[in-house]
Amino acid sequence: IWIGKCYGKAVITDLVRIQQLGEKKLGENERFRRHMKTHDFPERRFRRVAEEIEEKIDCRACANCCKVAETDITERDVLRLAKSMRIKPREFIECYTTMSVQEEGETILRRTEHGCIFLDGNDCTIYDERPDTCRDFPHLVRGKGSIQSRMWQMIDRATYCPIVYNALEEYKDIVGFKRGIKG
């Protein structure tokens, strides 16, 4: 367990605590998502907060996203990975991908009982060629669209990613969001 400081506050990295707090705050985080979507905030400050938190947390020591989340894979990812593995794209698709249970019709990397098929302990065996969604994770600093447009993804991610959990808590402070109020 490591608790550092970000903007003078404790940064929580204990995964059990992140899951407990993230699940406890699902409703609050959904209200915050709606709040963010209906207000216009300059993204620069949000990005700075996320960058600072990302610097304090070693994703490769955690790897919880690889253990918990599905990994979307694009045609471009397939071509890059197949080339690096020196196999045909069709073979890559047959051996290493499947269809998402959560998102109908979406192709994802296969999973084992321990997470992503390419996860070995906490190490990604395809790290240099990993899919774009992995490169951009947790999609706070990098990703398609504005932070506000990506907020719907963050509610779930706040239950397993220390970066997302801590960033959302700081974002709430930045915008003056009233916590714990129902409705």
Foldseek 3Di string as FASTA:
>chain_A
DDWDDAPRDTQDDPLVVLQVVLVVCLQVLVVVLVVLLVDDDDLPVLLVRLVVLPVVDDQLVQLQCQQPPWAFADPVLLVLVCVVVVHDSVVCCVPFWDADPVDGPTITGDADNRGGPQQDPSDGVCVVSDGPPVVCPPVRNDDPDGNSVVSVVLSVVSNGDSSSVVSSVVVCVVVVPDPPDHD
